[in-house]
Amino acid sequence: MKTITRQKPYEEIMRLLEQKSRVFIAGCGTCATILQTGGLEQVMTMKDKLQESGFLVTGLTVIPTACDEMTAVSLEEYKDAIQGAGAILVMACGFGVQRLGLYLDKAVLPALDTLFMGLEEQPGYYIEACAQCGRCILGYTAGICPIAACHKGLLNGPCGGTNKGKCEVDQEKDCAFTVIYNRLKNQGRLDLMKLYHPPRNSQVSSKPRIKILEAEEVEQWV
């Protein structure tokens, strides 16, 4: 599973950096590197563009995994360059931006837009596989999330627009419920298609979502 990102328009990055003449750039060595949005090559390209625009780049790094707790250790190596910057431009997902923001008292600014959590179906081809809605029905839908796979986010389908197993919105795409139907049929569980799933209760996944492990849960990992 990867966090899917794309680079913001350069004009937006310029607006974010307004009145900041000295910049430190941080990329990510996992998802953003794989997606070619925040790896070493993209960080170096951003450095060149910023310098051409008149910015002083005080330093740069590609943090192995920008969203985990080891980020603090990675930043320590560049503390002088970071101290000399007026802003930190982060070429990582929103998780990475927020992680860096925990450790720094400077403006931490995103260079990327975070789109979704993606499952790699084939090399270089990612699909949104889970909407993280807090009420999982994968056990009834043959392991396929209709909220993420269906353009309309339906829980009970297919809709009236499906045609010969194809999606009404994207006619090149198989209807999510056709895929679910075929997989359930192969598993001998086609009766599950008759179940009605009530509308989602948004309170199940109210914002912000928090998970606190109980003491016994923590102990099993220690």
C-alpha atoms as a PDB file:
ATOM      1  CA  MET A   1       0.000   0.000   0.000  1.00  0.00           C
ATOM      2  CA  LYS A   2       1.390   3.400  -0.985  1.00  0.00           C
ATOM      3  CA  THR A   3       0.350   6.987  -0.335  1.00  0.00           C
ATOM      4  CA  ILE A   4      -0.365   8.446  -3.755  1.00  0.00           C
ATOM      5  CA  THR A   5       0.811  12.014  -4.285  1.00  0.00           C
ATOM      6  CA  ARG A   6       1.312  14.518  -7.084  1.00  0.00           C
ATOM      7  CA  GLN A   7       3.389  17.673  -7.134  1.00  0.00           C
ATOM      8  CA  LYS A   8       1.570  20.938  -6.587  1.00  0.00           C
ATOM      9  CA  PRO A   9       1.688  23.507  -9.384  1.00  0.00           C
ATOM     10  CA  TYR A  10       4.911  25.505  -9.054  1.00  0.00           C
ATOM     11  CA  GLU A  11       2.884  28.725  -8.843  1.00  0.00           C
ATOM     12  CA  GLU A  12       1.170  27.445  -5.687  1.00  0.00           C
ATOM     13  CA  ILE A  13       4.513  26.505  -4.163  1.00  0.00           C
ATOM     14  CA  MET A  14       5.689  30.058  -4.870  1.00  0.00           C
ATOM     15  CA  ARG A  15       2.646  31.437  -3.049  1.00  0.00           C
ATOM     16  CA  LEU A  16       3.345  29.206  -0.059  1.00  0.00           C
ATOM     17  CA  LEU A  17       6.951  30.417   0.027  1.00  0.00           C
ATOM     18  CA  GLU A  18       6.022  34.081  -0.229  1.00  0.00           C
ATOM     19  CA  GLN A  19       8.304  36.213   1.973  1.00  0.00           C
ATOM     20  CA  LYS A  20      10.524  33.170   2.616  1.00  0.00           C
ATOM     21  CA  SER A  21      13.879  33.626   0.891  1.00  0.00           C
ATOM     22  CA  ARG A  22      15.761  30.723   2.511  1.00  0.00           C
ATOM     23  CA  VAL A  23      14.386  27.199   2.096  1.00  0.00           C
ATOM     24  CA  PHE A  24      15.311  23.698   3.231  1.00  0.00           C
ATOM     25  CA  ILE A  25      13.898  20.844   1.118  1.00  0.00           C
ATOM     26  CA  ALA A  26      12.944  17.423   2.511  1.00  0.00           C
ATOM     27  CA  GLY A  27      11.854  14.489   0.347  1.00  0.00           C
ATOM     28  CA  CYS A  28      10.729  10.973   1.247  1.00  0.00           C
ATOM     29  CA  GLY A  29      12.556   7.758   0.399  1.00  0.00           C
ATOM     30  CA  THR A  30       9.502   5.494   0.293  1.00  0.00           C
ATOM     31  CA  CYS A  31       6.154   6.369  -1.301  1.00  0.00           C
ATOM     32  CA  ALA A  32       7.146   9.724  -2.814  1.00  0.00           C
ATOM     33  CA  THR A  33      10.305   8.194  -4.274  1.00  0.00           C
ATOM     34  CA  ILE A  34       8.369   5.305  -5.808  1.00  0.00           C
ATOM     35  CA  LEU A  35       5.746   7.702  -7.199  1.00  0.00           C
ATOM     36  CA  GLN A  36       8.542   9.983  -8.466  1.00  0.00           C
ATOM     37  CA  THR A  37       7.114  12.991  -6.670  1.00  0.00           C
ATOM     38  CA  GLY A  38       9.610  13.429  -3.838  1.00  0.00           C
ATOM     39  CA  GLY A  39      12.674  11.267  -4.378  1.00  0.00           C
ATOM     40  CA  LEU A  40      16.243  12.505  -4.754  1.00  0.00           C
ATOM     41  CA  GLU A  41      15.813  13.373  -8.430  1.00  0.00           C
ATOM     42  CA  GLN A  42      12.683  15.433  -7.779  1.00  0.00           C
ATOM     43  CA  VAL A  43      14.263  17.131  -4.745  1.00  0.00           C
ATOM     44  CA  MET A  44      17.292  18.127  -6.834  1.00  0.00           C
ATOM     45  CA  THR A  45      15.029  19.446  -9.594  1.00  0.00           C
ATOM     46  CA  MET A  46      13.073  21.494  -7.041  1.00  0.00           C
ATOM     47  CA  LYS A  47      16.339  22.868  -5.670  1.00  0.00           C
ATOM     48  CA  ASP A  48      17.393  24.045  -9.136  1.00  0.00           C
ATOM     49  CA  LYS A  49      13.986  25.653  -9.793  1.00  0.00           C
ATOM     50  CA  LEU A  50      13.976  27.465  -6.465  1.00  0.00           C
ATOM     51  CA  GLN A  51      17.488  28.769  -7.010  1.00  0.00           C
ATOM     52  CA  GLU A  52      16.519  29.990 -10.470  1.00  0.00           C
ATOM     53  CA  SER A  53      13.618  31.824  -8.801  1.00  0.00           C
ATOM     54  CA  GLY A  54      15.996  33.584  -6.437  1.00  0.00           C
ATOM     55  CA  PHE A  55      15.691  31.412  -3.329  1.00  0.00           C
ATOM     56  CA  LEU A  56      18.639  30.316  -1.234  1.00  0.00           C
ATOM     57  CA  VAL A  57      18.384  26.583  -0.565  1.00  0.00           C
ATOM     58  CA  THR A  58      20.138  26.037   2.760  1.00  0.00           C
ATOM     59  CA  GLY A  59      20.144  22.254   2.394  1.00  0.00           C
ATOM     60  CA  LEU A  60      18.195  19.205   1.367  1.00  0.00           C
ATOM     61  CA  THR A  61      17.613  15.610   2.360  1.00  0.00           C
ATOM     62  CA  VAL A  62      15.529  12.591   1.447  1.00  0.00           C
ATOM     63  CA  ILE A  63      14.264  11.115   4.712  1.00  0.00           C
ATOM     64  CA  PRO A  64      14.041   7.293   4.520  1.00  0.00           C
ATOM     65  CA  THR A  65      10.376   7.303   5.635  1.00  0.00           C
ATOM     66  CA  ALA A  66       9.159  10.840   6.286  1.00  0.00           C
ATOM     67  CA  CYS A  67       6.024   9.785   8.169  1.00  0.00           C
ATOM     68  CA  ASP A  68       7.589   7.642  10.902  1.00  0.00           C
ATOM     69  CA  GLU A  69       9.162   8.452  14.258  1.00  0.00           C
ATOM     70  CA  MET A  70      12.733   8.139  12.898  1.00  0.00           C
ATOM     71  CA  THR A  71      12.209  11.437  11.069  1.00  0.00           C
ATOM     72  CA  ALA A  72      13.471  13.310  14.133  1.00  0.00           C
ATOM     73  CA  VAL A  73      16.778  11.427  13.928  1.00  0.00           C
ATOM     74  CA  SER A  74      17.124  12.233  10.230  1.00  0.00           C
ATOM     75  CA  LEU A  75      16.475  15.923  10.820  1.00  0.00           C
ATOM     76  CA  GLU A  76      19.073  16.145  13.584  1.00  0.00           C
ATOM     77  CA  GLU A  77      21.844  15.634  10.996  1.00  0.00           C
ATOM     78  CA  TYR A  78      20.712  18.770   9.156  1.00  0.00           C
ATOM     79  CA  LYS A  79      19.827  20.978  12.119  1.00  0.00           C
ATOM     80  CA  ASP A  80      22.200  23.799  11.098  1.00  0.00           C
ATOM     81  CA  ALA A  81      20.844  23.954   7.541  1.00  0.00           C
ATOM     82  CA  ILE A  82      17.282  23.790   8.885  1.00  0.00           C
ATOM     83  CA  GLN A  83      18.017  26.515  11.423  1.00  0.00           C
ATOM     84  CA  GLY A  84      19.246  28.743   8.610  1.00  0.00           C
ATOM     85  CA  ALA A  85      16.032  28.319   6.618  1.00  0.00           C
ATOM     86  CA  GLY A  86      12.874  30.369   6.880  1.00  0.00           C
ATOM     87  CA  ALA A  87      10.691  27.479   5.701  1.00  0.00           C
ATOM     88  CA  ILE A  88      10.858  23.717   5.171  1.00  0.00           C
ATOM     89  CA  LEU A  89       9.446  22.571   1.847  1.00  0.00           C
ATOM     90  CA  VAL A  90       8.337  18.951   2.207  1.00  0.00           C
ATOM     91  CA  MET A  91       8.115  16.724  -0.860  1.00  0.00           C
ATOM     92  CA  ALA A  92       6.218  13.978   0.928  1.00  0.00           C
ATOM     93  CA  CYS A  93       2.611  13.091   1.657  1.00  0.00           C
ATOM     94  CA  GLY A  94       0.468  14.915   4.181  1.00  0.00           C
ATOM     95  CA  PHE A  95       1.542  12.432   6.848  1.00  0.00           C
ATOM     96  CA  GLY A  96       5.168  13.414   6.275  1.00  0.00           C
ATOM     97  CA  VAL A  97       4.371  17.125   6.399  1.00  0.00           C
ATOM     98  CA  GLN A  98       2.604  16.708   9.727  1.00  0.00           C
ATOM     99  CA  ARG A  99       5.380  14.523  11.110  1.00  0.00           C
ATOM    100  CA  LEU A 100       8.018  17.174  10.342  1.00  0.00           C
ATOM    101  CA  GLY A 101       5.740  19.791  11.836  1.00  0.00           C
ATOM    102  CA  LEU A 102       5.889  17.947  15.170  1.00  0.00           C
ATOM    103  CA  TYR A 103       9.626  18.551  15.446  1.00  0.00           C
ATOM    104  CA  LEU A 104      10.162  21.955  13.864  1.00  0.00           C
ATOM    105  CA  ASP A 105       9.128  25.443  14.955  1.00  0.00           C
ATOM    106  CA  LYS A 106       9.379  26.818  11.413  1.00  0.00           C
ATOM    107  CA  ALA A 107       6.876  26.945   8.585  1.00  0.00           C
ATOM    108  CA  VAL A 108       6.560  23.385   7.235  1.00  0.00           C
ATOM    109  CA  LEU A 109       5.009  23.598   3.764  1.00  0.00           C
ATOM    110  CA  PRO A 110       3.755  20.842   1.425  1.00  0.00           C
ATOM    111  CA  ALA A 111       5.076  20.647  -2.125  1.00  0.00           C
ATOM    112  CA  LEU A 112       2.746  17.734  -2.909  1.00  0.00           C
ATOM    113  CA  ASP A 113      -0.974  17.017  -2.869  1.00  0.00           C
ATOM    114  CA  THR A 114      -1.958  13.753  -1.164  1.00  0.00           C
ATOM    115  CA  LEU A 115      -4.574  11.922  -3.225  1.00  0.00           C
ATOM    116  CA  PHE A 116      -5.290   8.528  -1.636  1.00  0.00           C
ATOM    117  CA  MET A 117      -3.886   5.305  -0.224  1.00  0.00           C
ATOM    118  CA  GLY A 118      -3.244   3.103  -3.239  1.00  0.00           C
ATOM    119  CA  LEU A 119      -2.873  -0.622  -3.843  1.00  0.00           C
ATOM    120  CA  GLU A 120      -0.511  -1.551  -6.686  1.00  0.00           C
ATOM    121  CA  GLU A 121      -2.505  -3.811  -9.017  1.00  0.00           C
ATOM    122  CA  GLN A 122       0.381  -4.064 -11.462  1.00  0.00           C
ATOM    123  CA  PRO A 123       3.744  -2.274 -11.695  1.00  0.00           C
ATOM    124  CA  GLY A 124       3.097   1.468 -11.723  1.00  0.00           C
ATOM    125  CA  TYR A 125      -0.710   1.138 -11.600  1.00  0.00           C
ATOM    126  CA  TYR A 126      -2.348   2.109  -8.313  1.00  0.00           C
ATOM    127  CA  ILE A 127      -5.994   2.019  -7.301  1.00  0.00           C
ATOM    128  CA  GLU A 128      -7.726   3.330  -4.205  1.00  0.00           C
ATOM    129  CA  ALA A 129      -8.547   0.188  -2.271  1.00  0.00           C
ATOM    130  CA  CYS A 130      -9.872   1.438   1.061  1.00  0.00           C
ATOM    131  CA  ALA A 131     -11.795   4.564   2.053  1.00  0.00           C
ATOM    132  CA  GLN A 132     -10.934   3.983   5.743  1.00  0.00           C
ATOM    133  CA  CYS A 133     -14.552   4.707   6.609  1.00  0.00           C
ATOM    134  CA  GLY A 134     -14.589   2.912   9.960  1.00  0.00           C
ATOM    135  CA  ARG A 135     -17.242   0.333   9.020  1.00  0.00           C
ATOM    136  CA  CYS A 136     -15.712  -2.446   6.938  1.00  0.00           C
ATOM    137  CA  ILE A 137     -17.978  -4.627   4.793  1.00  0.00           C
ATOM    138  CA  LEU A 138     -15.223  -6.471   2.909  1.00  0.00           C
ATOM    139  CA  GLY A 139     -16.439  -9.744   4.424  1.00  0.00           C
ATOM    140  CA  TYR A 140     -19.684  -9.351   2.482  1.00  0.00           C
ATOM    141  CA  THR A 141     -18.218  -8.007  -0.765  1.00  0.00           C
ATOM    142  CA  ALA A 142     -15.509 -10.596  -1.517  1.00  0.00           C
ATOM    143  CA  GLY A 143     -12.711  -8.362  -0.281  1.00  0.00           C
ATOM    144  CA  ILE A 144     -13.572  -5.461  -2.610  1.00  0.00           C
ATOM    145  CA  CYS A 145     -14.483  -2.105  -1.060  1.00  0.00           C
ATOM    146  CA  PRO A 146     -17.434  -0.705  -3.030  1.00  0.00           C
ATOM    147  CA  ILE A 147     -17.046   2.709  -1.419  1.00  0.00           C
ATOM    148  CA  ALA A 148     -13.595   3.023  -2.961  1.00  0.00           C
ATOM    149  CA  ALA A 149     -14.145   0.932  -6.111  1.00  0.00           C
ATOM    150  CA  CYS A 150     -17.498   2.369  -7.178  1.00  0.00           C
ATOM    151  CA  HIS A 151     -17.460   5.855  -8.730  1.00  0.00           C
ATOM    152  CA  LYS A 152     -20.686   6.625  -6.853  1.00  0.00           C
ATOM    153  CA  GLY A 153     -19.551   5.078  -3.590  1.00  0.00           C
ATOM    154  CA  LEU A 154     -22.578   2.819  -3.423  1.00  0.00           C
ATOM    155  CA  LEU A 155     -23.026   0.225  -0.691  1.00  0.00           C
ATOM    156  CA  ASN A 156     -25.806  -1.605  -2.501  1.00  0.00           C
ATOM    157  CA  GLY A 157     -25.476  -2.003  -6.232  1.00  0.00           C
ATOM    158  CA  PRO A 158     -25.115  -2.069  -9.075  1.00  0.00           C
ATOM    159  CA  CYS A 159     -26.759   1.205 -10.052  1.00  0.00           C
ATOM    160  CA  GLY A 160     -29.159   1.488 -12.983  1.00  0.00           C
ATOM    161  CA  GLY A 161     -26.452   2.868 -15.248  1.00  0.00           C
ATOM    162  CA  THR A 162     -24.258  -0.208 -15.457  1.00  0.00           C
ATOM    163  CA  ASN A 163     -24.165  -1.640 -18.992  1.00  0.00           C
ATOM    164  CA  LYS A 164     -22.798  -5.067 -19.919  1.00  0.00           C
ATOM    165  CA  GLY A 165     -20.788  -5.123 -16.714  1.00  0.00           C
ATOM    166  CA  LYS A 166     -19.170  -1.739 -17.320  1.00  0.00           C
ATOM    167  CA  CYS A 167     -19.373   1.413 -15.201  1.00  0.00           C
ATOM    168  CA  GLU A 168     -21.689   4.228 -16.259  1.00  0.00           C
ATOM    169  CA  VAL A 169     -19.147   6.887 -15.282  1.00  0.00           C
ATOM    170  CA  ASP A 170     -16.115   5.190 -16.869  1.00  0.00           C
ATOM    171  CA  GLN A 171     -17.134   2.791 -19.620  1.00  0.00           C
ATOM    172  CA  GLU A 172     -13.624   1.359 -19.794  1.00  0.00           C
ATOM    173  CA  LYS A 173     -13.884   0.223 -16.183  1.00  0.00           C
ATOM    174  CA  ASP A 174     -15.638  -2.869 -14.889  1.00  0.00           C
ATOM    175  CA  CYS A 175     -18.558  -2.073 -12.605  1.00  0.00           C
ATOM    176  CA  ALA A 176     -17.400  -2.661  -9.018  1.00  0.00           C
ATOM    177  CA  PHE A 177     -20.486  -4.741  -8.289  1.00  0.00           C
ATOM    178  CA  THR A 178     -19.943  -6.885 -11.373  1.00  0.00           C
ATOM    179  CA  VAL A 179     -16.493  -7.709 -10.027  1.00  0.00           C
ATOM    180  CA  ILE A 180     -17.951  -8.371  -6.580  1.00  0.00           C
ATOM    181  CA  TYR A 181     -20.690 -10.568  -8.089  1.00  0.00           C
ATOM    182  CA  ASN A 182     -18.250 -12.659 -10.102  1.00  0.00           C
ATOM    183  CA  ARG A 183     -15.888 -13.143  -7.182  1.00  0.00           C
ATOM    184  CA  LEU A 184     -18.708 -14.121  -4.797  1.00  0.00           C
ATOM    185  CA  LYS A 185     -20.060 -16.526  -7.433  1.00  0.00           C
ATOM    186  CA  ASN A 186     -16.668 -18.218  -7.753  1.00  0.00           C
ATOM    187  CA  GLN A 187     -16.515 -18.508  -3.961  1.00  0.00           C
ATOM    188  CA  GLY A 188     -20.002 -20.003  -3.716  1.00  0.00           C
ATOM    189  CA  ARG A 189     -21.209 -17.067  -1.608  1.00  0.00           C
ATOM    190  CA  LEU A 190     -23.529 -15.359  -4.064  1.00  0.00           C
ATOM    191  CA  ASP A 191     -26.276 -15.160  -1.442  1.00  0.00           C
ATOM    192  CA  LEU A 192     -24.368 -12.258   0.118  1.00  0.00           C
ATOM    193  CA  MET A 193     -25.401 -10.080  -2.829  1.00  0.00           C
ATOM    194  CA  LYS A 194     -28.938 -10.105  -1.413  1.00  0.00           C
ATOM    195  CA  LEU A 195     -27.907  -8.448   1.852  1.00  0.00           C
ATOM    196  CA  TYR A 196     -28.863  -4.819   2.396  1.00  0.00           C
ATOM    197  CA  HIS A 197     -26.238  -2.524   3.887  1.00  0.00           C
ATOM    198  CA  PRO A 198     -27.755   0.529   5.636  1.00  0.00           C
ATOM    199  CA  PRO A 199     -26.328   4.004   4.995  1.00  0.00           C
ATOM    200  CA  ARG A 200     -23.038   4.629   6.709  1.00  0.00           C
ATOM    201  CA  ASN A 201     -23.126   6.290  10.117  1.00  0.00           C
ATOM    202  CA  SER A 202     -20.593   9.116   9.834  1.00  0.00           C
ATOM    203  CA  GLN A 203     -20.214   9.139  13.617  1.00  0.00           C
ATOM    204  CA  VAL A 204     -18.416   5.793  13.338  1.00  0.00           C
ATOM    205  CA  SER A 205     -15.494   7.652  11.805  1.00  0.00           C
ATOM    206  CA  SER A 206     -15.905  11.112  13.319  1.00  0.00           C
ATOM    207  CA  LYS A 207     -13.000  13.525  12.936  1.00  0.00           C
ATOM    208  CA  PRO A 208     -10.322  13.524  14.113  1.00  0.00           C
ATOM    209  CA  ARG A 209     -10.041   9.748  14.323  1.00  0.00           C
ATOM    210  CA  ILE A 210      -7.985   8.445  17.242  1.00  0.00           C
ATOM    211  CA  LYS A 211      -6.935   4.947  18.260  1.00  0.00           C
ATOM    212  CA  ILE A 212      -5.440   4.351  21.694  1.00  0.00           C
ATOM    213  CA  LEU A 213      -4.078   0.882  22.347  1.00  0.00           C
ATOM    214  CA  GLU A 214      -5.117  -0.723  25.618  1.00  0.00           C
ATOM    215  CA  ALA A 215      -2.335  -1.858  27.963  1.00  0.00           C
ATOM    216  CA  GLU A 216      -2.750  -5.538  27.048  1.00  0.00           C
ATOM    217  CA  GLU A 217      -2.574  -4.659  23.348  1.00  0.00           C
ATOM    218  CA  VAL A 218       0.696  -2.800  23.862  1.00  0.00           C
ATOM    219  CA  GLU A 219       2.186  -5.652  25.879  1.00  0.00           C
ATOM    220  CA  GLN A 220       1.804  -8.175  23.062  1.00  0.00           C
ATOM    221  CA  TRP A 221       4.059  -6.034  20.849  1.00  0.00           C
ATOM    222  CA  VAL A 222       6.745  -5.426  23.491  1.00  0.00           C
END
